[in-house]
């Protein structure tokens, strides 16, 4: 008996270094005498979205490891892991009074993994 599992690949998070305020763990007197957290500025990576071209290989590896471990606990042995490729494209065109042009491009990315396992 065989079992097939699909593991979805996700795009990698993208972000930037930003200056943010973080608490120091100390307290100080506020404007009206109440205690408030003392803050300091530090640079911190902040996620701003997801890549449109790079897969999060760290997450995909972790998800694959979890799937293999789950299959092994259920008494299955992994026979193969197959990547599933998807694609996308973009194009545009412009016309003017005396000229026109167009462009287009396409690319592929890993959409996920198919794991095939056999009952042992």
N, C-alpha and C. Protein backbone atom coordinates (compact mmCIF):
# COMPACT_ATOMS: atom_id res chain seq x y z
N UNK A 1 0.85 -1.18 0.00
CA UNK A 1 0.00 0.00 0.00
C UNK A 1 0.89 1.24 0.00
N UNK A 2 0.58 2.20 -0.87
CA UNK A 2 1.35 3.43 -0.98
C UNK A 2 0.53 4.62 -0.47
N UNK A 3 1.24 5.67 -0.14
CA UNK A 3 0.60 6.91 0.30
C UNK A 3 1.33 8.07 -0.36
N UNK A 4 0.57 9.08 -0.81
CA UNK A 4 1.13 10.26 -1.46
C UNK A 4 0.74 11.48 -0.63
N UNK A 5 1.73 12.33 -0.35
CA UNK A 5 1.52 13.54 0.44
C UNK A 5 2.06 14.73 -0.34
N UNK A 6 1.31 15.83 -0.38
CA UNK A 6 1.77 17.07 -1.01
C UNK A 6 2.19 18.05 0.07
N UNK A 7 3.36 18.66 -0.10
CA UNK A 7 3.87 19.67 0.83
C UNK A 7 3.97 20.98 0.07
N UNK A 8 3.19 21.95 0.48
CA UNK A 8 3.14 23.25 -0.17
C UNK A 8 4.40 24.05 0.13
N UNK A 9 4.96 24.69 -0.89
CA UNK A 9 6.09 25.61 -0.71
C UNK A 9 5.54 27.03 -0.60
N UNK A 10 6.12 27.82 0.25
CA UNK A 10 5.69 29.21 0.45
C UNK A 10 6.82 30.15 0.06
N UNK A 11 6.46 31.33 -0.37
CA UNK A 11 7.47 32.33 -0.71
C UNK A 11 8.14 32.85 0.56
N UNK A 12 9.39 33.23 0.43
CA UNK A 12 10.19 33.70 1.56
C UNK A 12 9.72 35.07 2.02
N UNK A 13 9.76 35.31 3.33
CA UNK A 13 9.44 36.65 3.82
C UNK A 13 10.54 37.63 3.43
N UNK A 14 10.14 38.86 3.14
CA UNK A 14 11.10 39.93 2.86
C UNK A 14 10.85 41.07 3.83
N UNK A 15 11.86 41.85 4.07
CA UNK A 15 11.72 42.94 5.02
C UNK A 15 12.90 43.88 4.95
N UNK A 16 13.01 44.68 5.98
CA UNK A 16 14.09 45.65 6.04
C UNK A 16 14.44 45.96 7.48
N UNK A 17 15.62 46.51 7.67
CA UNK A 17 16.05 46.95 8.99
C UNK A 17 15.36 48.27 9.30
N UNK A 18 14.72 48.34 10.47
CA UNK A 18 14.07 49.57 10.89
C UNK A 18 14.48 49.89 12.32
N UNK A 19 14.48 51.18 12.63
CA UNK A 19 14.69 51.59 14.00
C UNK A 19 13.37 51.50 14.75
N UNK A 20 13.36 50.71 15.83
CA UNK A 20 12.15 50.53 16.63
C UNK A 20 12.50 50.75 18.10
N UNK A 21 11.49 51.12 18.86
CA UNK A 21 11.68 51.29 20.30
C UNK A 21 11.36 49.98 21.00
N UNK A 22 12.26 49.58 21.91
CA UNK A 22 12.05 48.37 22.69
C UNK A 22 12.26 48.70 24.16
N UNK A 23 11.52 48.02 25.04
CA UNK A 23 11.69 48.29 26.47
C UNK A 23 13.04 47.79 26.98
N UNK A 24 13.63 48.52 27.92
CA UNK A 24 14.93 48.14 28.50
C UNK A 24 14.75 47.22 29.70
N UNK A 25 13.55 47.10 30.22
CA UNK A 25 13.30 46.32 31.42
C UNK A 25 13.31 47.19 32.67
N UNK A 26 13.64 48.46 32.50
CA UNK A 26 13.66 49.40 33.63
C UNK A 26 12.42 50.28 33.57
N UNK A 27 12.09 50.87 34.72
CA UNK A 27 10.96 51.80 34.80
C UNK A 27 11.48 53.19 35.11
N UNK A 28 10.70 54.20 34.70
CA UNK A 28 11.03 55.58 35.04
C UNK A 28 9.73 56.32 35.30
N UNK A 29 9.86 57.49 35.89
CA UNK A 29 8.69 58.30 36.19
C UNK A 29 8.19 58.96 34.92
N UNK A 30 6.89 58.86 34.70
CA UNK A 30 6.28 59.46 33.53
C UNK A 30 5.91 60.91 33.78
N UNK A 31 5.20 61.49 32.83
CA UNK A 31 4.82 62.90 32.87
C UNK A 31 4.01 63.26 34.11
N UNK A 32 3.09 62.39 34.51
CA UNK A 32 2.24 62.69 35.67
C UNK A 32 2.62 61.86 36.89
N UNK A 33 3.89 61.38 36.93
CA UNK A 33 4.38 60.68 38.10
C UNK A 33 4.17 59.17 38.07
N UNK A 34 3.46 58.66 37.08
CA UNK A 34 3.26 57.21 37.02
C UNK A 34 4.52 56.54 36.47
N UNK A 35 4.66 55.24 36.75
CA UNK A 35 5.81 54.50 36.23
C UNK A 35 5.54 54.08 34.79
N UNK A 36 6.52 54.30 33.94
CA UNK A 36 6.42 53.87 32.55
C UNK A 36 7.68 53.11 32.18
N UNK A 37 7.58 52.28 31.16
CA UNK A 37 8.75 51.54 30.69
C UNK A 37 9.77 52.49 30.09
N UNK A 38 11.03 52.27 30.44
CA UNK A 38 12.11 53.01 29.80
C UNK A 38 12.37 52.33 28.45
N UNK A 39 12.46 53.12 27.41
CA UNK A 39 12.62 52.58 26.06
C UNK A 39 13.96 52.99 25.48
N UNK A 40 14.44 52.19 24.52
CA UNK A 40 15.65 52.54 23.79
C UNK A 40 15.42 52.16 22.33
N UNK A 41 16.16 52.82 21.45
CA UNK A 41 16.06 52.55 20.02
C UNK A 41 17.03 51.44 19.65
N UNK A 42 16.60 50.54 18.78
CA UNK A 42 17.51 49.55 18.22
C UNK A 42 17.05 49.16 16.82
N UNK A 43 18.00 48.71 16.03
CA UNK A 43 17.65 48.26 14.67
C UNK A 43 17.09 46.85 14.77
N UNK A 44 16.01 46.62 14.05
CA UNK A 44 15.37 45.32 14.07
C UNK A 44 14.85 45.02 12.67
N UNK A 45 14.97 43.75 12.26
CA UNK A 45 14.44 43.33 10.97
C UNK A 45 12.93 43.23 11.09
N UNK A 46 12.22 43.89 10.18
CA UNK A 46 10.76 43.90 10.19
C UNK A 46 10.27 43.38 8.85
N UNK A 47 9.39 42.38 8.91
CA UNK A 47 8.85 41.81 7.67
C UNK A 47 7.88 42.80 7.03
N UNK A 48 8.05 43.00 5.71
CA UNK A 48 7.18 43.92 4.98
C UNK A 48 6.30 43.21 3.96
N UNK A 49 6.54 41.92 3.76
CA UNK A 49 5.75 41.16 2.79
C UNK A 49 6.42 39.85 2.47
N UNK A 50 6.12 39.34 1.26
CA UNK A 50 6.70 38.07 0.82
C UNK A 50 7.31 38.25 -0.56
N UNK A 51 8.38 37.52 -0.80
CA UNK A 51 9.05 37.56 -2.10
C UNK A 51 8.11 37.06 -3.18
N UNK A 52 8.30 37.56 -4.39
CA UNK A 52 7.53 37.04 -5.52
C UNK A 52 8.39 36.13 -6.39
N UNK A 53 9.59 35.78 -5.89
CA UNK A 53 10.48 34.94 -6.69
C UNK A 53 11.29 33.93 -5.90
N UNK A 54 11.42 34.08 -4.60
CA UNK A 54 12.26 33.18 -3.82
C UNK A 54 11.42 32.36 -2.84
N UNK A 55 11.61 31.04 -2.87
CA UNK A 55 10.91 30.13 -1.98
C UNK A 55 11.58 30.12 -0.61
N UNK A 56 10.79 29.98 0.45
CA UNK A 56 11.31 29.88 1.81
C UNK A 56 11.82 28.45 2.02
N UNK A 57 13.09 28.22 1.67
CA UNK A 57 13.64 26.87 1.73
C UNK A 57 13.76 26.36 3.16
N UNK A 58 13.95 27.24 4.12
CA UNK A 58 14.02 26.82 5.52
C UNK A 58 12.69 26.22 5.95
N UNK A 59 11.60 26.89 5.62
CA UNK A 59 10.28 26.39 5.98
C UNK A 59 9.96 25.10 5.21
N UNK A 60 10.31 25.06 3.92
CA UNK A 60 10.03 23.87 3.11
C UNK A 60 10.78 22.66 3.67
N UNK A 61 12.03 22.85 4.07
CA UNK A 61 12.81 21.77 4.66
C UNK A 61 12.17 21.27 5.95
N UNK A 62 11.74 22.20 6.80
CA UNK A 62 11.08 21.84 8.06
C UNK A 62 9.78 21.09 7.80
N UNK A 63 8.98 21.57 6.85
CA UNK A 63 7.72 20.90 6.52
C UNK A 63 7.95 19.50 5.96
N UNK A 64 9.00 19.34 5.13
CA UNK A 64 9.33 18.03 4.59
C UNK A 64 9.76 17.09 5.71
N UNK A 65 10.60 17.57 6.62
CA UNK A 65 11.05 16.75 7.75
C UNK A 65 9.87 16.27 8.58
N UNK A 66 8.93 17.16 8.86
CA UNK A 66 7.75 16.79 9.64
C UNK A 66 6.90 15.75 8.92
N UNK A 67 6.76 15.90 7.60
CA UNK A 67 5.96 14.94 6.82
C UNK A 67 6.62 13.57 6.81
N UNK A 68 7.94 13.52 6.65
CA UNK A 68 8.66 12.25 6.64
C UNK A 68 8.55 11.57 8.01
N UNK A 69 8.72 12.34 9.08
CA UNK A 69 8.59 11.77 10.43
C UNK A 69 7.19 11.23 10.68
N UNK A 70 6.17 11.96 10.21
CA UNK A 70 4.78 11.52 10.38
C UNK A 70 4.53 10.22 9.61
N UNK A 71 5.04 10.16 8.38
CA UNK A 71 4.89 8.94 7.58
C UNK A 71 5.61 7.76 8.24
N UNK A 72 6.80 7.99 8.75
CA UNK A 72 7.55 6.93 9.42
C UNK A 72 6.80 6.40 10.64
N UNK A 73 6.19 7.31 11.41
CA UNK A 73 5.42 6.89 12.60
C UNK A 73 4.19 6.07 12.22
N UNK A 74 3.65 6.35 11.02
CA UNK A 74 2.48 5.61 10.53
C UNK A 74 2.88 4.30 9.87
N UNK A 75 4.18 3.99 9.84
CA UNK A 75 4.65 2.73 9.28
C UNK A 75 4.96 2.78 7.79
N UNK A 76 5.23 3.97 7.26
CA UNK A 76 5.56 4.13 5.84
C UNK A 76 7.04 4.43 5.67
N UNK A 77 7.57 4.01 4.54
CA UNK A 77 8.95 4.32 4.16
C UNK A 77 8.89 5.20 2.91
N UNK A 78 9.60 6.32 2.93
CA UNK A 78 9.59 7.24 1.79
C UNK A 78 10.33 6.61 0.62
N UNK A 79 9.65 6.58 -0.54
CA UNK A 79 10.25 6.05 -1.76
C UNK A 79 10.88 7.17 -2.58
N UNK A 80 10.16 8.30 -2.70
CA UNK A 80 10.69 9.40 -3.50
C UNK A 80 10.07 10.73 -3.07
N UNK A 81 10.80 11.79 -3.40
CA UNK A 81 10.32 13.16 -3.22
C UNK A 81 10.47 13.85 -4.57
N UNK A 82 9.35 14.37 -5.08
CA UNK A 82 9.32 14.97 -6.41
C UNK A 82 8.92 16.44 -6.27
N UNK A 83 9.66 17.32 -6.94
CA UNK A 83 9.29 18.74 -6.87
C UNK A 83 8.21 19.04 -7.92
N UNK A 84 7.30 19.92 -7.53
CA UNK A 84 6.24 20.38 -8.43
C UNK A 84 6.57 21.81 -8.81
N UNK A 85 6.69 22.06 -10.10
CA UNK A 85 7.09 23.37 -10.60
C UNK A 85 5.87 24.09 -11.19
N UNK A 86 5.72 25.35 -10.83
CA UNK A 86 4.69 26.21 -11.42
C UNK A 86 5.39 27.37 -12.09
N UNK A 87 4.64 28.19 -12.78
CA UNK A 87 5.24 29.32 -13.47
C UNK A 87 4.35 30.54 -13.43
N UNK A 88 4.93 31.65 -13.80
CA UNK A 88 4.20 32.90 -13.87
C UNK A 88 4.84 33.74 -14.97
N UNK A 89 4.16 34.80 -15.36
CA UNK A 89 4.68 35.66 -16.41
C UNK A 89 4.14 37.08 -16.23
N UNK A 90 4.72 37.98 -16.98
CA UNK A 90 4.25 39.35 -17.01
C UNK A 90 4.59 39.90 -18.39
N UNK A 91 3.85 40.85 -18.83
CA UNK A 91 4.12 41.45 -20.14
C UNK A 91 3.54 42.86 -20.17
N UNK A 92 3.94 43.59 -21.13
CA UNK A 92 3.42 44.94 -21.30
C UNK A 92 3.72 45.45 -22.69
N UNK A 93 3.04 46.49 -23.08
CA UNK A 93 3.25 47.10 -24.39
C UNK A 93 2.94 48.58 -24.28
N UNK A 94 3.59 49.32 -25.12
CA UNK A 94 3.36 50.76 -25.14
C UNK A 94 3.41 51.23 -26.60
N UNK A 95 2.54 52.13 -26.91
CA UNK A 95 2.56 52.71 -28.27
C UNK A 95 2.63 54.22 -28.14
N UNK A 96 3.38 54.78 -29.02
CA UNK A 96 3.51 56.23 -29.05
C UNK A 96 3.19 56.74 -30.44
N UNK A 97 3.47 57.99 -30.69
CA UNK A 97 3.19 58.59 -31.99
C UNK A 97 4.03 57.96 -33.08
N UNK A 98 5.33 57.80 -32.82
CA UNK A 98 6.20 57.28 -33.88
C UNK A 98 6.87 55.95 -33.54
N UNK A 99 6.55 55.34 -32.39
CA UNK A 99 7.15 54.05 -32.07
C UNK A 99 6.29 53.29 -31.06
N UNK A 100 6.52 52.01 -31.01
CA UNK A 100 5.86 51.17 -30.02
C UNK A 100 6.81 50.05 -29.62
N UNK A 101 6.59 49.49 -28.47
CA UNK A 101 7.43 48.38 -28.02
C UNK A 101 6.62 47.50 -27.08
N UNK A 102 7.14 46.32 -26.86
CA UNK A 102 6.53 45.39 -25.93
C UNK A 102 7.60 44.59 -25.23
N UNK A 103 7.25 44.01 -24.14
CA UNK A 103 8.18 43.16 -23.42
C UNK A 103 7.40 42.03 -22.77
N UNK A 104 8.08 41.00 -22.41
CA UNK A 104 7.47 39.88 -21.71
C UNK A 104 8.53 39.02 -21.07
N UNK A 105 8.17 38.38 -19.99
CA UNK A 105 9.08 37.46 -19.36
C UNK A 105 8.27 36.42 -18.59
N UNK A 106 8.88 35.31 -18.37
CA UNK A 106 8.27 34.25 -17.61
C UNK A 106 9.30 33.61 -16.70
N UNK A 107 8.82 32.97 -15.66
CA UNK A 107 9.73 32.30 -14.74
C UNK A 107 9.00 31.14 -14.06
N UNK A 108 9.78 30.22 -13.52
CA UNK A 108 9.20 29.09 -12.81
C UNK A 108 9.68 29.11 -11.37
N UNK A 109 8.94 28.42 -10.51
CA UNK A 109 9.30 28.31 -9.10
C UNK A 109 8.75 27.00 -8.55
N UNK A 110 9.32 26.55 -7.45
CA UNK A 110 8.86 25.33 -6.81
C UNK A 110 7.56 25.61 -6.10
N UNK A 111 6.50 24.92 -6.52
CA UNK A 111 5.19 25.09 -5.90
C UNK A 111 5.04 24.20 -4.68
N UNK A 112 5.76 23.10 -4.66
CA UNK A 112 5.67 22.19 -3.53
C UNK A 112 6.41 20.91 -3.82
N UNK A 113 6.23 19.95 -2.92
CA UNK A 113 6.88 18.64 -3.05
C UNK A 113 5.84 17.55 -2.93
N UNK A 114 5.98 16.50 -3.72
CA UNK A 114 5.13 15.32 -3.59
C UNK A 114 6.01 14.22 -2.98
N UNK A 115 5.55 13.67 -1.87
CA UNK A 115 6.26 12.59 -1.19
C UNK A 115 5.48 11.31 -1.43
N UNK A 116 6.15 10.31 -1.97
CA UNK A 116 5.55 9.00 -2.19
C UNK A 116 6.17 8.04 -1.19
N UNK A 117 5.30 7.35 -0.43
CA UNK A 117 5.78 6.43 0.60
C UNK A 117 5.09 5.07 0.46
N UNK A 118 5.77 4.02 0.94
CA UNK A 118 5.26 2.64 0.86
C UNK A 118 5.14 2.11 2.28
N UNK A 119 4.03 1.39 2.54
CA UNK A 119 3.80 0.76 3.84
C UNK A 119 4.80 -0.37 4.02
N UNK A 120 5.49 -0.40 5.16
CA UNK A 120 6.48 -1.46 5.41
C UNK A 120 5.95 -2.46 6.41
